[in-house]
N, C-alpha and C. Protein backbone atom coordinates (compact mmCIF):
# COMPACT_ATOMS: atom_id res chain seq x y z
N UNK A 1 1.05 -1.27 0.08
CA UNK A 1 -0.15 -0.07 0.00
C UNK A 1 1.01 1.09 0.07
N UNK A 2 0.75 2.25 -0.86
CA UNK A 2 1.12 3.62 -0.95
C UNK A 2 0.90 4.19 0.40
N UNK A 3 2.11 4.46 1.03
CA UNK A 3 1.71 5.65 2.09
C UNK A 3 2.81 6.81 2.52
N UNK A 4 2.40 7.89 1.53
CA UNK A 4 3.06 8.95 1.14
C UNK A 4 2.16 9.97 2.31
N UNK A 5 2.96 10.77 2.53
CA UNK A 5 2.49 11.96 3.55
C UNK A 5 1.45 12.63 3.03
N UNK A 6 0.03 13.34 3.47
CA UNK A 6 -1.01 14.19 2.90
C UNK A 6 -0.82 15.38 4.17
N UNK A 7 -0.22 15.90 3.96
CA UNK A 7 -0.17 17.22 5.20
C UNK A 7 -1.46 17.93 4.89
N UNK A 8 -1.72 18.35 6.07
CA UNK A 8 -3.01 19.50 6.04
C UNK A 8 -2.86 20.57 7.14
N UNK A 9 -3.26 21.75 7.15
CA UNK A 9 -3.06 22.82 8.17
C UNK A 9 -3.44 21.93 9.27
N UNK A 10 -3.14 22.45 10.41
CA UNK A 10 -3.09 21.81 12.07
C UNK A 10 -4.46 22.66 12.52
N UNK A 11 -4.30 23.96 12.10
CA UNK A 11 -5.18 24.82 12.68
C UNK A 11 -6.81 24.67 12.15
N UNK A 12 -6.92 23.37 11.13
CA UNK A 12 -8.22 23.55 10.22
C UNK A 12 -8.29 22.09 10.10
N UNK A 13 -8.34 21.08 11.53
CA UNK A 13 -8.52 19.98 11.57
C UNK A 13 -10.32 19.88 11.54
N UNK A 14 -10.97 18.83 11.71
CA UNK A 14 -11.93 18.43 11.73
C UNK A 14 -13.00 19.50 12.09
N UNK A 15 -14.02 20.34 11.05
CA UNK A 15 -14.89 21.12 11.36
C UNK A 15 -16.44 20.90 11.79
N UNK A 16 -16.80 19.92 11.70
CA UNK A 16 -18.12 19.38 11.86
C UNK A 16 -18.52 18.54 12.94
N UNK A 17 -19.46 18.43 13.17
CA UNK A 17 -19.84 17.42 14.20
C UNK A 17 -20.28 16.19 14.18
N UNK A 18 -19.01 15.19 13.56
CA UNK A 18 -19.52 14.11 12.90
C UNK A 18 -19.35 12.95 13.74
N UNK A 19 -19.78 11.56 13.41
CA UNK A 19 -19.52 10.52 14.30
C UNK A 19 -17.95 9.82 14.08
N UNK A 20 -17.30 9.41 15.22
CA UNK A 20 -16.00 9.11 15.52
C UNK A 20 -16.25 7.70 16.38
N UNK A 21 -14.99 6.90 15.86
CA UNK A 21 -14.86 5.67 16.58
C UNK A 21 -13.35 5.80 16.99
N UNK A 22 -13.31 5.53 18.19
CA UNK A 22 -11.87 5.49 19.00
C UNK A 22 -11.48 3.99 18.86
N UNK A 23 -10.14 3.61 18.17
CA UNK A 23 -9.65 2.54 18.34
C UNK A 23 -8.72 2.49 19.41
N UNK A 24 -8.63 1.45 20.24
CA UNK A 24 -8.29 1.35 21.49
C UNK A 24 -8.88 1.97 22.73
N UNK A 25 -8.62 0.87 23.71
CA UNK A 25 -9.46 1.27 24.87
C UNK A 25 -8.47 1.55 26.33
N UNK A 26 -7.08 1.61 25.99
CA UNK A 26 -6.42 1.92 27.08
C UNK A 26 -5.65 3.20 27.63
N UNK A 27 -4.99 3.65 28.30
CA UNK A 27 -4.83 4.67 28.87
C UNK A 27 -4.55 5.68 27.79
N UNK A 28 -3.80 5.36 26.62
CA UNK A 28 -3.58 6.92 25.73
C UNK A 28 -4.96 6.95 25.38
N UNK A 29 -6.13 5.90 24.77
CA UNK A 29 -7.42 6.50 24.59
C UNK A 29 -8.25 6.96 25.46
N UNK A 30 -7.85 7.05 26.95
CA UNK A 30 -8.26 8.31 27.77
C UNK A 30 -7.92 9.45 27.25
N UNK A 31 -6.74 9.73 27.22
CA UNK A 31 -6.56 11.02 26.91
C UNK A 31 -6.94 11.30 25.71
N UNK A 32 -7.30 10.67 24.37
CA UNK A 32 -7.66 10.97 23.06
C UNK A 32 -8.84 11.26 23.32
N UNK A 33 -9.94 10.54 24.21
CA UNK A 33 -11.22 10.88 24.27
C UNK A 33 -11.82 12.13 24.99
N UNK A 34 -10.59 12.44 26.15
CA UNK A 34 -10.76 13.61 26.74
C UNK A 34 -10.69 14.87 25.90
N UNK A 35 -9.55 14.66 24.89
CA UNK A 35 -9.38 15.81 24.06
C UNK A 35 -10.61 15.87 23.24
N UNK A 36 -11.39 14.91 22.30
CA UNK A 36 -12.33 15.15 21.22
C UNK A 36 -13.52 15.57 22.44
N UNK A 37 -13.63 15.46 23.60
CA UNK A 37 -14.70 16.26 23.95
C UNK A 37 -14.48 17.54 24.46
N UNK A 38 -13.29 18.06 24.37
CA UNK A 38 -12.89 19.63 24.43
C UNK A 38 -13.15 19.98 23.15
N UNK A 39 -12.82 19.59 22.16
CA UNK A 39 -12.95 19.95 20.85
C UNK A 39 -14.44 19.87 20.46
N UNK A 40 -15.40 19.28 20.77
CA UNK A 40 -16.65 19.16 20.45
C UNK A 40 -16.97 19.10 19.12
N UNK A 41 -16.22 18.46 18.51
CA UNK A 41 -16.46 18.46 16.82
C UNK A 41 -17.00 17.10 16.40
N UNK A 42 -16.83 16.12 17.24
CA UNK A 42 -17.36 14.72 16.77
C UNK A 42 -18.11 14.24 18.12
N UNK A 43 -19.14 13.38 17.51
CA UNK A 43 -19.59 12.44 18.70
C UNK A 43 -18.99 10.88 18.75
N UNK A 44 -18.56 10.91 19.68
CA UNK A 44 -18.13 9.49 19.77
C UNK A 44 -19.21 8.37 19.95
N UNK A 45 -19.01 7.25 19.03
CA UNK A 45 -20.00 6.24 18.89
C UNK A 45 -19.56 5.23 20.04
N UNK A 46 -18.18 5.09 20.50
CA UNK A 46 -17.82 4.28 21.21
C UNK A 46 -16.27 3.74 20.71
N UNK A 47 -15.91 2.89 21.34
CA UNK A 47 -14.04 2.32 21.05
C UNK A 47 -13.95 0.70 20.90
N UNK A 48 -13.14 0.16 20.23
CA UNK A 48 -13.10 -0.80 19.70
C UNK A 48 -11.83 -0.98 20.07
N UNK A 49 -11.37 -2.59 20.40
CA UNK A 49 -10.50 -3.05 21.47
C UNK A 49 -10.29 -4.49 21.07
N UNK A 50 -9.42 -5.72 21.25
CA UNK A 50 -9.24 -7.19 21.52
C UNK A 50 -10.12 -7.52 22.75
N UNK A 51 -9.91 -6.60 23.69
CA UNK A 51 -10.71 -6.90 24.78
C UNK A 51 -12.01 -5.85 25.47
N UNK A 52 -13.10 -6.31 25.80
CA UNK A 52 -13.94 -5.43 26.22
C UNK A 52 -13.10 -4.48 27.96
N UNK A 53 -12.75 -3.24 27.84
CA UNK A 53 -12.68 -2.79 28.79
C UNK A 53 -13.37 -2.32 29.78
N UNK A 54 -14.73 -2.48 29.61
CA UNK A 54 -15.89 -1.80 30.10
C UNK A 54 -16.34 -0.48 29.49
N UNK A 55 -16.89 0.32 29.94
CA UNK A 55 -17.06 2.18 29.35
C UNK A 55 -15.71 2.40 29.75
N UNK A 56 -15.20 3.40 29.12
CA UNK A 56 -14.04 4.14 28.81
C UNK A 56 -14.11 5.44 29.00
N UNK A 57 -14.37 6.38 30.40
CA UNK A 57 -14.47 7.76 30.51
C UNK A 57 -16.28 7.85 29.86
N UNK A 58 -17.03 6.45 30.19
CA UNK A 58 -18.35 6.50 29.56
C UNK A 58 -18.56 6.32 28.13
N UNK A 59 -17.65 6.05 27.51
CA UNK A 59 -17.60 5.82 26.07
C UNK A 59 -17.71 4.18 26.06
N UNK A 60 -18.98 3.50 25.38
CA UNK A 60 -19.11 2.26 25.30
C UNK A 60 -18.19 1.37 24.47
N UNK A 61 -17.98 -0.06 24.82
CA UNK A 61 -17.18 -0.81 24.19
C UNK A 61 -18.16 -1.52 22.65
N UNK A 62 -17.57 -1.32 21.47
CA UNK A 62 -18.21 -1.92 20.43
C UNK A 62 -18.36 -3.36 20.06
N UNK A 63 -16.37 -3.50 20.23
CA UNK A 63 -16.23 -4.76 19.80
C UNK A 63 -14.66 -4.95 19.39
N UNK A 64 -14.45 -6.08 18.88
CA UNK A 64 -12.98 -5.77 18.05
C UNK A 64 -12.96 -5.01 16.78
N UNK A 65 -11.84 -4.73 16.45
CA UNK A 65 -11.81 -4.02 15.37
C UNK A 65 -12.81 -4.62 14.12
N UNK A 66 -13.44 -5.72 14.11
CA UNK A 66 -13.89 -6.19 12.90
C UNK A 66 -15.46 -5.64 13.10
N UNK A 67 -15.68 -4.58 14.32
CA UNK A 67 -16.92 -4.12 14.28
C UNK A 67 -16.95 -2.93 13.73
N UNK A 68 -15.87 -2.38 13.21
CA UNK A 68 -15.60 -1.51 12.53
C UNK A 68 -16.21 -1.76 11.08
N UNK A 69 -15.77 -2.67 10.53
CA UNK A 69 -16.49 -3.29 9.24
C UNK A 69 -18.02 -2.82 9.21
N UNK A 70 -18.78 -3.33 10.30
CA UNK A 70 -20.18 -3.14 10.20
C UNK A 70 -20.60 -1.69 10.13
N UNK A 71 -19.80 -0.71 11.09
CA UNK A 71 -19.83 0.29 11.38
C UNK A 71 -19.80 1.40 10.22
N UNK A 72 -18.61 0.86 9.51
CA UNK A 72 -18.14 1.91 8.33
C UNK A 72 -19.34 1.64 6.71
N UNK A 73 -20.12 0.80 6.97
CA UNK A 73 -20.77 0.49 6.08
C UNK A 73 -21.98 1.95 5.76
N UNK A 74 -22.03 2.54 4.76
CA UNK A 74 -22.51 3.53 4.75
C UNK A 74 -21.94 4.50 3.40
N UNK A 75 -23.07 5.42 3.26
CA UNK A 75 -22.42 6.19 1.74
C UNK A 75 -21.51 7.42 2.29
N UNK A 76 -21.24 7.42 3.62
CA UNK A 76 -20.03 8.36 4.12
C UNK A 76 -19.03 7.78 5.03
N UNK A 77 -17.83 8.19 4.69
CA UNK A 77 -17.10 7.72 5.95
C UNK A 77 -16.89 7.63 6.94
N UNK A 78 -16.87 6.58 7.69
CA UNK A 78 -16.70 6.84 9.11
C UNK A 78 -15.66 7.38 9.67
N UNK A 79 -15.42 8.38 10.47
CA UNK A 79 -14.03 8.80 11.27
C UNK A 79 -13.86 7.70 12.30
N UNK A 80 -12.58 7.71 12.29
CA UNK A 80 -11.78 7.14 13.28
C UNK A 80 -10.35 7.71 13.93
N UNK A 81 -9.99 7.19 15.13
CA UNK A 81 -8.69 7.82 15.65
C UNK A 81 -8.43 6.75 16.05
N UNK A 82 -6.75 6.62 16.01
CA UNK A 82 -5.98 5.59 16.26
C UNK A 82 -5.48 5.87 17.62
N UNK A 83 -5.99 5.63 18.75
CA UNK A 83 -5.54 5.64 20.25
C UNK A 83 -4.99 4.59 20.90
N UNK A 84 -4.04 4.13 20.02
CA UNK A 84 -3.42 3.04 20.41
C UNK A 84 -1.90 3.52 21.20
N UNK A 85 -1.63 3.70 22.04
CA UNK A 85 -0.36 4.13 22.12
C UNK A 85 1.25 3.70 21.60
N UNK A 86 1.72 4.20 21.71
CA UNK A 86 3.59 3.95 20.87
C UNK A 86 4.39 3.53 22.19
N UNK A 87 4.52 2.53 22.41
CA UNK A 87 5.66 2.06 23.36
C UNK A 87 7.09 1.38 22.76
N UNK A 88 7.86 2.15 21.86
CA UNK A 88 8.73 1.55 21.23
C UNK A 88 8.69 2.41 19.75
N UNK A 89 8.96 1.64 18.86
CA UNK A 89 8.81 1.89 17.18
C UNK A 89 7.35 2.03 17.01
N UNK A 90 7.10 2.75 15.86
CA UNK A 90 5.87 3.00 15.31
C UNK A 90 4.95 2.16 14.20
N UNK A 91 5.85 0.94 13.98
CA UNK A 91 5.68 0.24 12.79
C UNK A 91 4.09 -0.82 13.19
N UNK A 92 3.97 -1.06 14.74
CA UNK A 92 2.90 -1.44 15.22
C UNK A 92 1.77 -0.75 14.90
N UNK A 93 1.84 0.62 15.29
CA UNK A 93 0.57 1.20 14.93
C UNK A 93 0.37 1.44 13.42
N UNK A 94 1.40 1.26 12.76
CA UNK A 94 1.57 1.62 11.30
C UNK A 94 0.73 0.53 10.78
N UNK A 95 0.96 -0.62 11.30
CA UNK A 95 0.47 -2.08 10.42
C UNK A 95 -1.32 -2.15 10.84
N UNK A 96 -1.36 -1.91 12.11
CA UNK A 96 -2.71 -1.52 12.53
C UNK A 96 -3.61 -0.35 11.43
N UNK A 97 -2.88 0.53 11.27
CA UNK A 97 -3.50 1.70 10.51
C UNK A 97 -3.91 0.75 9.17
N UNK A 98 -3.09 0.27 8.98
CA UNK A 98 -2.83 -0.24 7.10
C UNK A 98 -3.99 -1.35 7.17
N UNK A 99 -3.92 -2.06 8.26
CA UNK A 99 -5.09 -3.17 8.21
C UNK A 99 -6.79 -2.22 7.94
N UNK A 100 -6.85 -1.29 9.19
CA UNK A 100 -8.14 -0.44 9.27
C UNK A 100 -8.25 0.74 7.70
N UNK A 101 -7.06 0.83 7.26
CA UNK A 101 -7.38 1.62 6.18
C UNK A 101 -7.94 0.93 4.84
N UNK A 102 -8.37 0.14 4.71
CA UNK A 102 -8.94 -0.65 3.70
C UNK A 102 -10.31 -0.50 4.11
N UNK A 103 -10.72 -0.24 5.44
CA UNK A 103 -12.15 0.04 5.23
C UNK A 103 -13.02 1.38 5.02
N UNK A 104 -13.63 1.65 4.81
CA UNK A 104 -14.60 2.92 4.72
C UNK A 104 -14.29 3.78 5.76
N UNK A 105 -13.16 3.58 6.59
CA UNK A 105 -12.53 5.03 7.56
C UNK A 105 -11.75 6.18 6.80
N UNK A 106 -11.99 7.29 7.60
CA UNK A 106 -11.36 8.29 7.48
C UNK A 106 -10.74 8.80 8.99
N UNK A 107 -9.25 8.76 8.88
CA UNK A 107 -8.52 9.55 10.22
C UNK A 107 -8.08 10.94 10.25
N UNK A 108 -9.07 11.85 10.73
CA UNK A 108 -8.97 12.97 10.70
C UNK A 108 -7.53 13.45 11.71
N UNK A 109 -7.30 14.91 11.74
CA UNK A 109 -6.38 15.27 12.51
C UNK A 109 -6.84 15.71 13.91
N UNK A 110 -6.36 15.19 14.62
CA UNK A 110 -6.71 15.79 16.20
C UNK A 110 -5.98 16.48 16.96
N UNK A 111 -6.28 17.87 17.01
CA UNK A 111 -5.09 18.57 17.61
C UNK A 111 -6.10 19.10 18.91
N UNK A 112 -5.16 18.90 20.39
CA UNK A 112 -5.83 19.61 21.42
C UNK A 112 -6.24 21.16 21.55
N UNK A 113 -7.43 21.77 21.85
CA UNK A 113 -7.40 23.00 21.90
C UNK A 113 -6.67 23.42 22.82
N UNK A 114 -5.93 23.00 23.69
CA UNK A 114 -4.90 23.01 24.82
C UNK A 114 -3.43 23.08 24.28
N UNK A 115 -3.34 22.54 23.00
CA UNK A 115 -2.11 22.64 22.65
C UNK A 115 -1.81 24.16 21.83
N UNK A 116 -0.45 24.81 21.86
CA UNK A 116 -0.13 25.76 21.03
C UNK A 116 0.32 25.51 19.69
N UNK A 117 -0.28 25.81 18.56
CA UNK A 117 0.37 25.75 17.64
C UNK A 117 0.31 27.02 16.40
N UNK A 118 1.69 27.21 16.04
CA UNK A 118 1.50 28.50 15.30
C UNK A 118 1.52 28.51 13.85
N UNK A 119 1.98 29.52 13.16
CA UNK A 119 1.76 29.64 11.82
C UNK A 119 2.58 28.81 11.24
N UNK A 120 1.99 28.34 9.79
CA UNK A 120 2.75 27.51 8.76
C UNK A 120 3.40 26.10 9.27
N UNK A 121 2.19 25.49 10.15
CA UNK A 121 2.61 24.16 10.69
C UNK A 121 1.53 23.48 9.79
N UNK A 122 2.11 22.34 9.43
CA UNK A 122 1.11 21.05 8.95
C UNK A 122 0.99 19.72 9.57
N UNK A 123 0.19 19.00 9.56
CA UNK A 123 0.10 17.69 9.91
C UNK A 123 -0.43 16.45 9.19
N UNK A 124 -0.14 15.23 9.12
CA UNK A 124 -0.72 14.60 8.36
C UNK A 124 -1.70 13.79 9.20
N UNK A 125 -2.51 12.93 8.12
CA UNK A 125 -3.66 11.91 8.57
C UNK A 125 -3.53 11.14 10.04
N UNK A 126 -4.39 11.43 10.49
CA UNK A 126 -4.20 10.56 11.74
C UNK A 126 -3.46 10.91 12.76
N UNK A 127 -2.82 11.95 12.66
CA UNK A 127 -1.51 12.38 13.62
C UNK A 127 -2.80 12.96 14.84
N UNK A 128 -2.05 12.82 16.21
CA UNK A 128 -2.86 13.60 17.43
C UNK A 128 -1.75 14.36 18.05
N UNK A 129 -2.29 15.58 18.66
CA UNK A 129 -1.61 16.71 19.10
C UNK A 129 -2.29 16.95 20.43
N UNK A 130 -1.17 16.62 22.05
CA UNK A 130 -1.84 16.51 22.91
C UNK A 130 -1.91 17.71 23.53
N UNK A 131 -2.89 17.75 24.88
CA UNK A 131 -2.44 18.95 25.49
C UNK A 131 -1.26 19.53 26.04
N UNK A 132 -1.26 21.06 25.69
CA UNK A 132 0.27 21.45 26.60
C UNK A 132 1.32 21.48 25.40
N UNK A 133 1.08 20.53 24.44
CA UNK A 133 2.34 20.55 23.10
C UNK A 133 2.41 22.23 22.46
N UNK A 134 3.74 22.48 22.30
CA UNK A 134 3.79 23.41 21.97
C UNK A 134 4.55 23.19 20.44
N UNK A 135 3.95 23.75 19.33
CA UNK A 135 4.40 23.36 17.94
C UNK A 135 4.74 24.58 17.00
N UNK A 136 6.14 25.12 16.80
CA UNK A 136 6.25 26.22 16.17
C UNK A 136 6.54 26.15 14.47
N UNK A 137 6.49 27.58 14.13
CA UNK A 137 6.14 27.83 12.65
C UNK A 137 7.31 26.90 11.90
N UNK A 138 6.50 26.49 10.83
CA UNK A 138 7.11 25.89 9.39
C UNK A 138 7.63 24.41 10.37
N UNK A 139 6.73 23.90 11.20
CA UNK A 139 6.92 22.58 11.44
C UNK A 139 6.30 21.66 10.74
N UNK A 140 6.65 20.21 10.08
CA UNK A 140 5.41 19.12 9.65
C UNK A 140 5.73 18.09 10.51
N UNK A 141 4.38 17.68 10.87
CA UNK A 141 3.86 16.39 11.44
C UNK A 141 3.26 15.52 10.65
N UNK A 142 4.00 14.35 10.43
CA UNK A 142 3.83 13.38 9.82
C UNK A 142 2.63 12.49 9.76
N UNK A 143 1.93 11.76 8.96
CA UNK A 143 1.02 10.93 9.23
C UNK A 143 1.06 9.87 10.33
N UNK A 144 0.12 9.60 11.28
CA UNK A 144 -0.03 8.95 12.43
C UNK A 144 0.76 9.47 13.72
N UNK A 145 1.49 10.67 13.25
CA UNK A 145 2.38 10.93 14.24
C UNK A 145 1.57 11.44 15.82
N UNK A 146 2.60 11.16 17.01
CA UNK A 146 1.95 11.46 18.32
C UNK A 146 2.94 12.43 18.76
N UNK A 147 2.13 13.70 19.16
CA UNK A 147 3.06 14.85 19.63
C UNK A 147 2.22 15.21 20.81
N UNK A 148 3.17 14.55 22.28
CA UNK A 148 2.70 14.13 23.43
C UNK A 148 2.37 15.16 24.17
N UNK A 149 2.05 14.93 25.79
CA UNK A 149 1.52 16.17 26.34
C UNK A 149 2.93 16.95 26.78
N UNK A 150 2.96 18.09 26.80
CA UNK A 150 3.97 19.15 27.24
C UNK A 150 5.26 18.96 26.37
N UNK A 151 5.12 18.47 25.07
CA UNK A 151 6.18 18.14 24.32
C UNK A 151 6.59 19.64 23.25
N UNK A 152 7.46 19.81 23.07
CA UNK A 152 8.19 20.71 22.35
C UNK A 152 8.75 20.85 20.95
N UNK A 153 7.88 21.31 19.78
CA UNK A 153 8.42 20.94 18.41
C UNK A 153 8.91 22.12 17.64
N UNK A 154 9.94 22.65 17.75
CA UNK A 154 10.36 24.07 17.31
C UNK A 154 10.47 24.20 15.72
N UNK A 155 10.42 25.22 15.48
CA UNK A 155 10.52 25.70 13.82
C UNK A 155 11.13 24.66 13.01
N UNK A 156 10.28 24.88 11.79
CA UNK A 156 11.15 23.96 10.88
C UNK A 156 11.55 22.74 10.90
N UNK A 157 10.92 21.81 11.96
CA UNK A 157 11.46 20.66 12.39
C UNK A 157 10.36 19.82 11.32
N UNK A 158 10.56 18.68 11.01
CA UNK A 158 10.32 17.45 10.15
C UNK A 158 10.28 15.98 11.06
N UNK A 159 8.88 16.05 11.08
CA UNK A 159 8.58 14.72 11.91
C UNK A 159 8.07 13.82 11.01
N UNK A 160 8.74 12.82 10.08
CA UNK A 160 8.24 11.97 9.31
C UNK A 160 7.15 11.11 10.05
N UNK A 161 6.53 10.08 8.93
CA UNK A 161 5.27 9.64 9.19
C UNK A 161 5.62 8.31 10.48
N UNK A 162 4.60 8.33 11.53
CA UNK A 162 4.38 7.59 12.63
C UNK A 162 5.45 7.99 13.70
N UNK A 163 6.15 8.97 13.64
CA UNK A 163 6.96 9.54 14.70
C UNK A 163 6.54 9.84 16.19
N UNK A 164 6.90 9.27 17.56
CA UNK A 164 6.03 9.61 18.28
C UNK A 164 7.21 10.54 19.32
N UNK A 165 6.65 11.79 19.35
CA UNK A 165 7.29 12.28 20.55
C UNK A 165 6.78 12.50 22.20
N UNK A 166 7.48 11.66 22.87
CA UNK A 166 6.98 11.48 24.06
C UNK A 166 6.49 13.15 24.75
N UNK A 167 6.20 12.46 26.16
CA UNK A 167 5.63 13.65 26.77
C UNK A 167 6.98 14.23 27.31
N UNK A 168 6.72 15.88 27.44
CA UNK A 168 7.93 16.56 27.78
C UNK A 168 9.42 16.66 27.04
N UNK A 169 9.30 16.24 25.90
CA UNK A 169 10.37 15.96 25.20
C UNK A 169 10.33 17.27 24.37
N UNK A 170 11.85 17.59 24.18
CA UNK A 170 12.00 18.79 23.19
C UNK A 170 12.64 18.79 21.87
N UNK A 171 12.31 19.20 21.05
CA UNK A 171 12.98 18.93 19.28
C UNK A 171 13.25 20.19 19.34
N UNK A 172 14.21 20.51 18.90
CA UNK A 172 14.87 22.05 18.67
C UNK A 172 14.75 22.24 17.35
N UNK A 173 14.78 23.48 17.00
CA UNK A 173 14.88 23.74 15.50
C UNK A 173 15.57 23.07 14.37
N UNK A 174 14.93 23.21 12.92
CA UNK A 174 15.72 22.40 11.78
C UNK A 174 16.07 21.13 11.84
N UNK A 175 15.68 20.30 13.15
CA UNK A 175 15.32 18.78 13.21
C UNK A 175 14.88 17.82 12.29
N UNK A 176 15.18 17.04 11.74
CA UNK A 176 14.59 15.77 11.07
C UNK A 176 14.57 14.68 11.89
N UNK A 177 13.27 14.12 12.18
CA UNK A 177 12.97 12.54 12.98
C UNK A 177 12.59 11.59 11.67
N UNK A 178 13.22 10.71 11.69
CA UNK A 178 12.72 9.61 10.53
C UNK A 178 11.61 8.90 11.07
N UNK A 179 10.94 7.98 9.92
CA UNK A 179 9.96 7.47 10.18
C UNK A 179 9.92 6.42 11.07
N UNK A 180 8.94 6.17 12.06
CA UNK A 180 8.56 5.25 12.89
C UNK A 180 9.85 5.46 14.27
N UNK A 181 10.27 6.58 14.16
CA UNK A 181 11.05 6.89 15.15
C UNK A 181 10.34 7.41 16.64
N UNK A 182 11.32 7.06 17.98
CA UNK A 182 10.47 7.51 19.31
C UNK A 182 11.51 8.50 19.70
N UNK A 183 11.13 9.70 20.61
CA UNK A 183 11.71 10.53 21.03
C UNK A 183 11.42 10.45 22.55
N UNK A 184 11.78 9.70 23.31
CA UNK A 184 11.38 9.46 24.70
C UNK A 184 11.08 10.59 25.78
N UNK A 185 10.55 10.44 26.80
CA UNK A 185 10.01 11.31 27.97
C UNK A 185 11.01 11.94 28.47
N UNK A 186 10.85 13.57 27.88
CA UNK A 186 11.91 14.52 28.79
C UNK A 186 13.47 14.28 28.03
N UNK A 187 13.55 13.66 26.59
CA UNK A 187 14.54 13.83 26.04
C UNK A 187 14.73 14.96 25.26
N UNK A 188 16.13 15.53 24.64
CA UNK A 188 16.27 16.63 23.78
C UNK A 188 17.05 16.54 22.62
N UNK A 189 16.69 17.19 21.56
CA UNK A 189 17.38 17.25 20.57
C UNK A 189 17.97 18.24 20.14
N UNK A 190 19.31 18.69 20.29
CA UNK A 190 19.47 19.51 19.77
C UNK A 190 19.58 20.25 18.05
N UNK A 191 19.35 21.79 18.22
CA UNK A 191 19.17 22.08 16.79
C UNK A 191 19.73 21.42 15.61
N UNK A 192 19.30 21.52 14.55
CA UNK A 192 20.15 20.86 13.12
C UNK A 192 20.15 19.43 13.24
N UNK A 193 20.05 18.68 13.92
CA UNK A 193 20.22 17.11 13.98
C UNK A 193 19.32 16.36 13.17
N UNK A 194 19.90 15.42 12.39
CA UNK A 194 18.94 14.43 11.43
C UNK A 194 19.21 13.14 12.49
N UNK A 195 17.83 12.24 12.55
CA UNK A 195 17.71 11.15 13.28
C UNK A 195 17.20 10.13 11.83
N UNK A 196 17.85 9.04 11.83
CA UNK A 196 17.46 8.25 11.12
C UNK A 196 16.26 7.54 11.40
N UNK A 197 15.57 7.00 10.54
CA UNK A 197 14.17 6.03 10.50
C UNK A 197 14.74 5.13 11.53
N UNK A 198 13.42 4.61 12.31
CA UNK A 198 13.67 3.47 13.14
C UNK A 198 14.43 4.02 14.58
N UNK A 199 14.55 5.03 14.78
CA UNK A 199 15.56 5.12 16.26
C UNK A 199 14.35 5.25 17.43
N UNK A 200 15.15 4.58 18.77
CA UNK A 200 14.51 4.91 20.05
C UNK A 200 15.25 5.41 20.59
N UNK A 201 14.98 6.92 20.93
CA UNK A 201 15.60 7.95 21.77
C UNK A 201 15.12 7.60 23.14
N UNK A 202 16.09 7.30 24.30
CA UNK A 202 15.32 6.86 25.69
C UNK A 202 15.20 8.54 26.21
N UNK A 203 14.30 7.93 27.48
CA UNK A 203 14.12 8.72 28.22
C UNK A 203 15.04 9.77 28.73
N UNK A 204 15.17 11.08 28.42
CA UNK A 204 15.84 11.70 29.17
C UNK A 204 17.12 12.08 28.23
N UNK A 205 17.48 11.49 27.32
CA UNK A 205 18.62 11.49 26.54
C UNK A 205 18.92 13.08 25.87
N UNK A 206 20.04 12.94 25.64
CA UNK A 206 20.21 14.26 24.74
C UNK A 206 21.05 13.79 23.65
N UNK A 207 20.38 14.44 22.56
CA UNK A 207 20.89 13.90 21.27
C UNK A 207 21.64 15.16 20.58
N UNK A 208 22.92 15.20 20.38
CA UNK A 208 23.94 15.84 20.01
C UNK A 208 24.52 16.09 18.63
N UNK A 209 24.54 15.27 18.29
CA UNK A 209 25.12 14.18 16.91
C UNK A 209 24.03 13.53 16.29
N UNK A 210 24.06 13.50 14.90
CA UNK A 210 22.95 12.82 13.63
C UNK A 210 23.22 11.72 14.58
N UNK A 211 21.94 10.93 14.46
CA UNK A 211 21.74 9.48 14.58
C UNK A 211 21.55 9.04 13.20
N UNK A 212 22.44 8.14 12.38
CA UNK A 212 22.69 7.57 11.33
C UNK A 212 21.96 6.45 10.94
N UNK A 213 22.01 5.57 11.86
CA UNK A 213 21.53 4.37 11.82
C UNK A 213 20.20 3.69 12.77
N UNK A 214 19.56 2.92 12.33
CA UNK A 214 18.24 2.35 13.22
C UNK A 214 19.14 1.82 14.71
N UNK A 215 18.25 2.51 15.98
CA UNK A 215 19.04 1.80 17.17
C UNK A 215 18.42 2.25 18.37
N UNK A 216 18.56 1.78 19.44
CA UNK A 216 18.15 2.34 20.67
C UNK A 216 19.72 3.21 21.35
N UNK A 217 19.04 4.35 21.88
CA UNK A 217 20.30 5.49 22.16
C UNK A 217 19.55 6.19 23.17
N UNK A 218 20.62 5.90 24.21
CA UNK A 218 20.17 6.59 25.69
C UNK A 218 21.46 7.44 26.32
N UNK A 219 21.17 8.11 26.98
CA UNK A 219 22.59 9.18 27.81
C UNK A 219 22.73 10.19 27.31
N UNK A 220 23.43 11.35 28.01
CA UNK A 220 23.89 12.28 27.59
C UNK A 220 25.17 12.75 27.38
N UNK A 221 25.47 12.81 25.96
CA UNK A 221 24.90 12.75 24.86
C UNK A 221 24.65 11.56 24.56
N UNK A 222 23.40 10.98 23.66
CA UNK A 222 23.05 10.01 23.43
C UNK A 222 24.06 8.91 22.76
N UNK A 223 24.04 8.08 23.11
CA UNK A 223 24.72 6.80 22.38
C UNK A 223 24.10 5.59 22.40
N UNK A 224 24.29 4.62 21.29
CA UNK A 224 23.85 3.31 20.79
C UNK A 224 24.26 2.42 21.35
N UNK A 225 23.17 1.97 22.22
CA UNK A 225 23.44 0.54 22.89
C UNK A 225 23.26 -0.80 22.11
N UNK A 226 22.30 -0.45 21.34
CA UNK A 226 22.29 -1.94 20.54
C UNK A 226 20.85 -1.57 19.45
């Protein structure tokens, strides 16, 4: 399946009160549900998960992801949000999205009203921007990205598809983060760095040199351990 970025302006995410289904019933889903309610642009039908977690913040369980095949039948695409958190690299989330994308589903960009998003910022299909995140001018968030709580994305940063920036992380200006990578909680990436696809930057690490090959990087300065 072709999987090319399809940027859209973050300031113009979903505009109408459309129905939406939440994919996932864990802790990450709780945060996403809260953001959807604050936005007041969607009516949440329920959530899907491999197991019934009971009502999640009052949102009912619809069944496994196979239930979406039934819900998605109709003249108009059903909205869905991928609310499965990323621990490690983004490939599992991408694989789940790829399976679901064959259904008549639309994955709108979700941006918390409590995030700060400045001018000339764009984001891809299915990306989610959490409370307290700051995204400065000229930044691009790829398809399926997560910009998590209180993280900072500085000017002219490129986050390629399926990148997760964990809570409290800081990415300085003119940084490129490759596809599927994760920047751990509280990590810092200094200006102008290039991070290869498939890199896991550990919590609290400081990246001061380009990361040119996939792997796990920890420490200050960050070094590859595997």
